[in-house]
Amino acid sequence: MEKHEQLLKNYLLNKTINDIEFFDTDLIYVSPDMEHTWIVDGGIQFKIDNDYFSFAFTTEQEFFNTFSLKVEELNNDFPLESLEAKNLEQVNSIIGTKITDVKAIWNFYNELDENFEEIAEKKYMPFEIILYLDNKSFMQIAVVDYVMENNSLKDLRYDSERELLISVNKKFEIVNANYNMGS
């Protein structure tokens, strides 16, 4: 797991966020707080320096994972639509900033061989990534299941198969509910 954390940091640290885009299947995202918090079912894509970094759902894996690709380059059986995230003030305010630190919470899975037996090597995927930026802002990105009550998020639980929480400068506490937590 530490190796994966270091790879993530090597890919992101001290790089400039040149663009951000949110993706969803139906052009509608949940936002209990339009200024800081959004929930999408497709993913988020960053242009970082001259590379791309996505935290997105793929139908091939059937869960959210990170990729050094554009969202449109992922293997998906359904179309994902751009939500024009740059039009959101908090999102636009972090374009042009450098990533100064990265924190992640990890989960893992095991692939199956041709006999449907688990392969011993664990494959790690993040539940949550927090990007800290040089303008003292941060962005929390996490895979969650939740309950919406009175336009507030309640009972946030990590769930790699549900939806993606994106929050700028507002940190949510999320519960680990019976998932593998890296070892």
C-alpha atoms as a PDB file:
ATOM      1  CA  MET A   1       0.000   0.000   0.000  1.00  0.00           C
ATOM      2  CA  GLU A   2       2.834   2.418   0.790  1.00  0.00           C
ATOM      3  CA  LYS A   3       4.216   1.755  -2.695  1.00  0.00           C
ATOM      4  CA  HIS A   4       0.893   2.842  -4.208  1.00  0.00           C
ATOM      5  CA  GLU A   5       0.758   5.946  -2.038  1.00  0.00           C
ATOM      6  CA  GLN A   6       4.258   6.875  -3.210  1.00  0.00           C
ATOM      7  CA  LEU A   7       3.367   6.270  -6.864  1.00  0.00           C
ATOM      8  CA  LEU A   8       0.339   8.533  -6.482  1.00  0.00           C
ATOM      9  CA  LYS A   9       2.466  11.238  -4.875  1.00  0.00           C
ATOM     10  CA  ASN A  10       5.164  10.910  -7.547  1.00  0.00           C
ATOM     11  CA  TYR A  11       2.534  11.385 -10.246  1.00  0.00           C
ATOM     12  CA  LEU A  12       0.788  14.375  -8.628  1.00  0.00           C
ATOM     13  CA  LEU A  13       3.097  16.301  -6.288  1.00  0.00           C
ATOM     14  CA  ASN A  14       4.394  19.693  -7.390  1.00  0.00           C
ATOM     15  CA  LYS A  15       2.343  19.552 -10.578  1.00  0.00           C
ATOM     16  CA  THR A  16       0.006  22.311 -11.738  1.00  0.00           C
ATOM     17  CA  ILE A  17      -3.717  21.688 -12.182  1.00  0.00           C
ATOM     18  CA  ASN A  18      -4.431  23.110 -15.644  1.00  0.00           C
ATOM     19  CA  ASP A  19      -7.982  21.839 -16.035  1.00  0.00           C
ATOM     20  CA  ILE A  20     -10.695  19.973 -14.109  1.00  0.00           C
ATOM     21  CA  GLU A  21     -13.836  18.312 -15.405  1.00  0.00           C
ATOM     22  CA  PHE A  22     -16.650  16.346 -13.768  1.00  0.00           C
ATOM     23  CA  PHE A  23     -18.460  13.558 -15.654  1.00  0.00           C
ATOM     24  CA  ASP A  24     -21.890  12.063 -15.152  1.00  0.00           C
ATOM     25  CA  THR A  25     -24.176   9.705 -17.069  1.00  0.00           C
ATOM     26  CA  ASP A  26     -27.253  11.926 -17.029  1.00  0.00           C
ATOM     27  CA  LEU A  27     -25.889  15.500 -16.892  1.00  0.00           C
ATOM     28  CA  ILE A  28     -27.273  15.889 -13.377  1.00  0.00           C
ATOM     29  CA  TYR A  29     -25.186  15.911 -10.239  1.00  0.00           C
ATOM     30  CA  VAL A  30     -26.277  16.002  -6.649  1.00  0.00           C
ATOM     31  CA  SER A  31     -25.103  19.092  -4.817  1.00  0.00           C
ATOM     32  CA  PRO A  32     -26.143  19.674  -1.239  1.00  0.00           C
ATOM     33  CA  ASP A  33     -23.895  22.744  -1.278  1.00  0.00           C
ATOM     34  CA  MET A  34     -23.350  24.198  -4.772  1.00  0.00           C
ATOM     35  CA  GLU A  35     -20.432  26.250  -3.524  1.00  0.00           C
ATOM     36  CA  HIS A  36     -18.291  23.390  -2.202  1.00  0.00           C
ATOM     37  CA  THR A  37     -19.729  19.896  -2.731  1.00  0.00           C
ATOM     38  CA  TRP A  38     -20.847  17.781  -5.689  1.00  0.00           C
ATOM     39  CA  ILE A  39     -21.646  14.106  -6.224  1.00  0.00           C
ATOM     40  CA  VAL A  40     -21.275  12.538  -9.676  1.00  0.00           C
ATOM     41  CA  ASP A  41     -21.576   9.003 -10.990  1.00  0.00           C
ATOM     42  CA  GLY A  42     -18.986   9.178 -13.774  1.00  0.00           C
ATOM     43  CA  GLY A  43     -15.798  10.681 -12.376  1.00  0.00           C
ATOM     44  CA  ILE A  44     -13.415  13.584 -12.253  1.00  0.00           C
ATOM     45  CA  GLN A  45     -10.592  14.346 -14.675  1.00  0.00           C
ATOM     46  CA  PHE A  46      -7.594  16.621 -14.142  1.00  0.00           C
ATOM     47  CA  LYS A  47      -5.123  17.921 -16.658  1.00  0.00           C
ATOM     48  CA  ILE A  48      -1.995  18.085 -14.544  1.00  0.00           C
ATOM     49  CA  ASP A  49       0.951  19.705 -16.308  1.00  0.00           C
ATOM     50  CA  ASN A  50       0.762  17.872 -19.662  1.00  0.00           C
ATOM     51  CA  ASP A  51      -0.699  14.616 -18.297  1.00  0.00           C
ATOM     52  CA  TYR A  52      -4.168  13.464 -17.336  1.00  0.00           C
ATOM     53  CA  PHE A  53      -5.352  11.973 -14.067  1.00  0.00           C
ATOM     54  CA  SER A  54      -8.840  10.555 -13.596  1.00  0.00           C
ATOM     55  CA  PHE A  55     -10.718   9.077 -10.661  1.00  0.00           C
ATOM     56  CA  ALA A  56     -13.603   7.459 -12.501  1.00  0.00           C
ATOM     57  CA  PHE A  57     -16.006   4.554 -12.805  1.00  0.00           C
ATOM     58  CA  THR A  58     -15.379   1.932 -15.469  1.00  0.00           C
ATOM     59  CA  THR A  59     -17.777  -0.761 -16.546  1.00  0.00           C
ATOM     60  CA  GLU A  60     -14.800  -3.050 -17.148  1.00  0.00           C
ATOM     61  CA  GLN A  61     -13.911  -3.075 -13.427  1.00  0.00           C
ATOM     62  CA  GLU A  62     -17.387  -2.112 -12.167  1.00  0.00           C
ATOM     63  CA  PHE A  63     -16.004   0.326  -9.616  1.00  0.00           C
ATOM     64  CA  PHE A  64     -14.176   3.648  -9.304  1.00  0.00           C
ATOM     65  CA  ASN A  65     -10.405   3.674  -9.652  1.00  0.00           C
ATOM     66  CA  THR A  66      -7.623   6.066 -10.657  1.00  0.00           C
ATOM     67  CA  PHE A  67      -6.137   6.244 -14.134  1.00  0.00           C
ATOM     68  CA  SER A  68      -3.494   8.260 -15.979  1.00  0.00           C
ATOM     69  CA  LEU A  69      -5.979   8.702 -18.825  1.00  0.00           C
ATOM     70  CA  LYS A  70      -8.779  11.001 -19.908  1.00  0.00           C
ATOM     71  CA  VAL A  71     -12.199   9.774 -18.796  1.00  0.00           C
ATOM     72  CA  GLU A  72     -13.251   9.365 -22.451  1.00  0.00           C
ATOM     73  CA  GLU A  73     -10.351   6.920 -22.952  1.00  0.00           C
ATOM     74  CA  LEU A  74     -11.642   4.534 -20.278  1.00  0.00           C
ATOM     75  CA  ASN A  75     -13.522   1.390 -21.252  1.00  0.00           C
ATOM     76  CA  ASN A  76     -17.157   2.263 -20.540  1.00  0.00           C
ATOM     77  CA  ASP A  77     -20.353   0.735 -21.866  1.00  0.00           C
ATOM     78  CA  PHE A  78     -22.271   3.948 -21.213  1.00  0.00           C
ATOM     79  CA  PRO A  79     -21.697   7.541 -22.334  1.00  0.00           C
ATOM     80  CA  LEU A  80     -20.368  10.055 -19.830  1.00  0.00           C
ATOM     81  CA  GLU A  81     -21.220  13.715 -20.207  1.00  0.00           C
ATOM     82  CA  SER A  82     -19.060  16.684 -19.242  1.00  0.00           C
ATOM     83  CA  LEU A  83     -20.604  18.927 -16.560  1.00  0.00           C
ATOM     84  CA  GLU A  84     -18.477  22.057 -17.198  1.00  0.00           C
ATOM     85  CA  ALA A  85     -16.926  22.042 -13.724  1.00  0.00           C
ATOM     86  CA  LYS A  86     -14.839  25.156 -14.504  1.00  0.00           C
ATOM     87  CA  ASN A  87     -18.053  27.194 -14.308  1.00  0.00           C
ATOM     88  CA  LEU A  88     -18.195  26.475 -10.565  1.00  0.00           C
ATOM     89  CA  GLU A  89     -16.383  29.221  -8.658  1.00  0.00           C
ATOM     90  CA  GLN A  90     -14.624  26.949  -6.129  1.00  0.00           C
ATOM     91  CA  VAL A  91     -13.445  24.596  -8.864  1.00  0.00           C
ATOM     92  CA  ASN A  92     -12.247  27.428 -11.077  1.00  0.00           C
ATOM     93  CA  SER A  93     -10.303  28.893  -8.123  1.00  0.00           C
ATOM     94  CA  ILE A  94      -7.988  25.867  -7.985  1.00  0.00           C
ATOM     95  CA  ILE A  95      -7.132  25.813 -11.691  1.00  0.00           C
ATOM     96  CA  GLY A  96      -3.562  27.027 -11.987  1.00  0.00           C
ATOM     97  CA  THR A  97      -2.548  25.882  -8.478  1.00  0.00           C
ATOM     98  CA  LYS A  98       0.187  23.394  -7.632  1.00  0.00           C
ATOM     99  CA  ILE A  99      -0.425  20.207  -5.664  1.00  0.00           C
ATOM    100  CA  THR A 100       1.675  20.406  -2.494  1.00  0.00           C
ATOM    101  CA  ASP A 101       0.538  17.227  -0.730  1.00  0.00           C
ATOM    102  CA  VAL A 102      -1.588  14.145  -1.357  1.00  0.00           C
ATOM    103  CA  LYS A 103      -3.293  11.947   1.245  1.00  0.00           C
ATOM    104  CA  ALA A 104      -5.158   8.766   0.380  1.00  0.00           C
ATOM    105  CA  ILE A 105      -7.194   6.055   2.055  1.00  0.00           C
ATOM    106  CA  TRP A 106      -6.910   2.717   0.269  1.00  0.00           C
ATOM    107  CA  ASN A 107      -8.957  -0.393  -0.364  1.00  0.00           C
ATOM    108  CA  PHE A 108      -7.889  -3.489  -2.261  1.00  0.00           C
ATOM    109  CA  TYR A 109      -9.327  -6.305  -4.321  1.00  0.00           C
ATOM    110  CA  ASN A 110      -8.052  -9.596  -5.688  1.00  0.00           C
ATOM    111  CA  GLU A 111      -8.400 -10.545  -9.322  1.00  0.00           C
ATOM    112  CA  LEU A 112      -9.623 -14.020 -10.247  1.00  0.00           C
ATOM    113  CA  ASP A 113      -7.826 -16.547 -12.438  1.00  0.00           C
ATOM    114  CA  GLU A 114      -9.473 -18.618 -15.183  1.00  0.00           C
ATOM    115  CA  ASN A 115     -10.836 -21.018 -12.482  1.00  0.00           C
ATOM    116  CA  PHE A 116     -12.335 -18.100 -10.532  1.00  0.00           C
ATOM    117  CA  GLU A 117      -9.758 -18.559  -7.792  1.00  0.00           C
ATOM    118  CA  GLU A 118      -8.364 -15.415  -6.162  1.00  0.00           C
ATOM    119  CA  ILE A 119      -4.903 -14.407  -7.302  1.00  0.00           C
ATOM    120  CA  ALA A 120      -2.816 -13.728  -4.191  1.00  0.00           C
ATOM    121  CA  GLU A 121      -1.518 -10.312  -5.267  1.00  0.00           C
ATOM    122  CA  LYS A 122      -3.693  -7.496  -3.949  1.00  0.00           C
ATOM    123  CA  LYS A 123      -4.686  -4.698  -6.312  1.00  0.00           C
ATOM    124  CA  TYR A 124      -5.024  -1.374  -4.525  1.00  0.00           C
ATOM    125  CA  MET A 125      -7.516   1.364  -5.317  1.00  0.00           C
ATOM    126  CA  PRO A 126      -8.269   4.535  -3.388  1.00  0.00           C
ATOM    127  CA  PHE A 127     -11.390   5.155  -1.388  1.00  0.00           C
ATOM    128  CA  GLU A 128     -10.373   8.761  -0.944  1.00  0.00           C
ATOM    129  CA  ILE A 129      -7.769  11.214  -2.213  1.00  0.00           C
ATOM    130  CA  ILE A 130      -7.244  14.656  -0.731  1.00  0.00           C
ATOM    131  CA  LEU A 131      -5.201  17.097  -2.793  1.00  0.00           C
ATOM    132  CA  TYR A 132      -3.623  19.985  -0.883  1.00  0.00           C
ATOM    133  CA  LEU A 133      -2.831  23.018  -3.023  1.00  0.00           C
ATOM    134  CA  ASP A 134      -0.368  25.900  -2.872  1.00  0.00           C
ATOM    135  CA  ASN A 135      -3.153  28.479  -2.433  1.00  0.00           C
ATOM    136  CA  LYS A 136      -4.074  26.792   0.902  1.00  0.00           C
ATOM    137  CA  SER A 137      -7.128  25.116  -0.654  1.00  0.00           C
ATOM    138  CA  PHE A 138      -7.821  21.393  -0.726  1.00  0.00           C
ATOM    139  CA  MET A 139     -10.015  19.029  -2.689  1.00  0.00           C
ATOM    140  CA  GLN A 140     -11.485  15.865  -1.173  1.00  0.00           C
ATOM    141  CA  ILE A 141     -12.451  13.167  -3.683  1.00  0.00           C
ATOM    142  CA  ALA A 142     -14.027   9.985  -2.294  1.00  0.00           C
ATOM    143  CA  VAL A 143     -16.146   7.054  -3.414  1.00  0.00           C
ATOM    144  CA  VAL A 144     -19.267   7.007  -1.261  1.00  0.00           C
ATOM    145  CA  ASP A 145     -22.735   5.809  -0.576  1.00  0.00           C
ATOM    146  CA  TYR A 146     -24.889   8.252   1.372  1.00  0.00           C
ATOM    147  CA  VAL A 147     -28.334   9.376   2.440  1.00  0.00           C
ATOM    148  CA  MET A 148     -29.646  12.808   1.456  1.00  0.00           C
ATOM    149  CA  GLU A 149     -31.815  14.346   4.159  1.00  0.00           C
ATOM    150  CA  ASN A 150     -33.042  17.961   4.146  1.00  0.00           C
ATOM    151  CA  ASN A 151     -30.469  18.783   1.453  1.00  0.00           C
ATOM    152  CA  SER A 152     -27.667  17.461   3.695  1.00  0.00           C
ATOM    153  CA  LEU A 153     -25.447  14.436   3.243  1.00  0.00           C
ATOM    154  CA  LYS A 154     -25.843  11.861   6.021  1.00  0.00           C
ATOM    155  CA  ASP A 155     -24.387   8.436   6.718  1.00  0.00           C
ATOM    156  CA  LEU A 156     -21.455   8.751   4.306  1.00  0.00           C
ATOM    157  CA  ARG A 157     -19.787   5.368   3.808  1.00  0.00           C
ATOM    158  CA  TYR A 158     -16.921   4.408   1.505  1.00  0.00           C
ATOM    159  CA  ASP A 159     -18.239   2.395  -1.424  1.00  0.00           C
ATOM    160  CA  SER A 160     -16.210   2.002  -4.624  1.00  0.00           C
ATOM    161  CA  GLU A 161     -19.284   0.965  -6.605  1.00  0.00           C
ATOM    162  CA  ARG A 162     -21.585   3.922  -5.846  1.00  0.00           C
ATOM    163  CA  GLU A 163     -20.802   7.593  -6.499  1.00  0.00           C
ATOM    164  CA  LEU A 164     -17.971  10.095  -6.289  1.00  0.00           C
ATOM    165  CA  LEU A 165     -17.999  12.897  -3.716  1.00  0.00           C
ATOM    166  CA  ILE A 166     -16.027  15.987  -4.751  1.00  0.00           C
ATOM    167  CA  SER A 167     -15.585  18.720  -2.178  1.00  0.00           C
ATOM    168  CA  VAL A 168     -13.448  21.862  -2.242  1.00  0.00           C
ATOM    169  CA  ASN A 169     -12.401  23.331   1.128  1.00  0.00           C
ATOM    170  CA  LYS A 170     -15.014  21.338   3.018  1.00  0.00           C
ATOM    171  CA  LYS A 171     -13.986  17.993   4.557  1.00  0.00           C
ATOM    172  CA  PHE A 172     -16.500  15.223   5.104  1.00  0.00           C
ATOM    173  CA  GLU A 173     -16.069  12.415   7.602  1.00  0.00           C
ATOM    174  CA  ILE A 174     -16.698   9.101   5.906  1.00  0.00           C
ATOM    175  CA  VAL A 175     -17.167   5.742   7.612  1.00  0.00           C
ATOM    176  CA  ASN A 176     -15.413   2.578   6.521  1.00  0.00           C
ATOM    177  CA  ALA A 177     -18.201   0.004   6.409  1.00  0.00           C
ATOM    178  CA  ASN A 178     -16.882  -3.559   6.147  1.00  0.00           C
ATOM    179  CA  TYR A 179     -14.365  -3.079   3.387  1.00  0.00           C
ATOM    180  CA  ASN A 180     -10.816  -4.272   3.008  1.00  0.00           C
ATOM    181  CA  MET A 181      -8.484  -1.644   4.364  1.00  0.00           C
ATOM    182  CA  GLY A 182      -5.025  -2.282   2.990  1.00  0.00           C
ATOM    183  CA  SER A 183      -2.613  -4.585   4.719  1.00  0.00           C
END
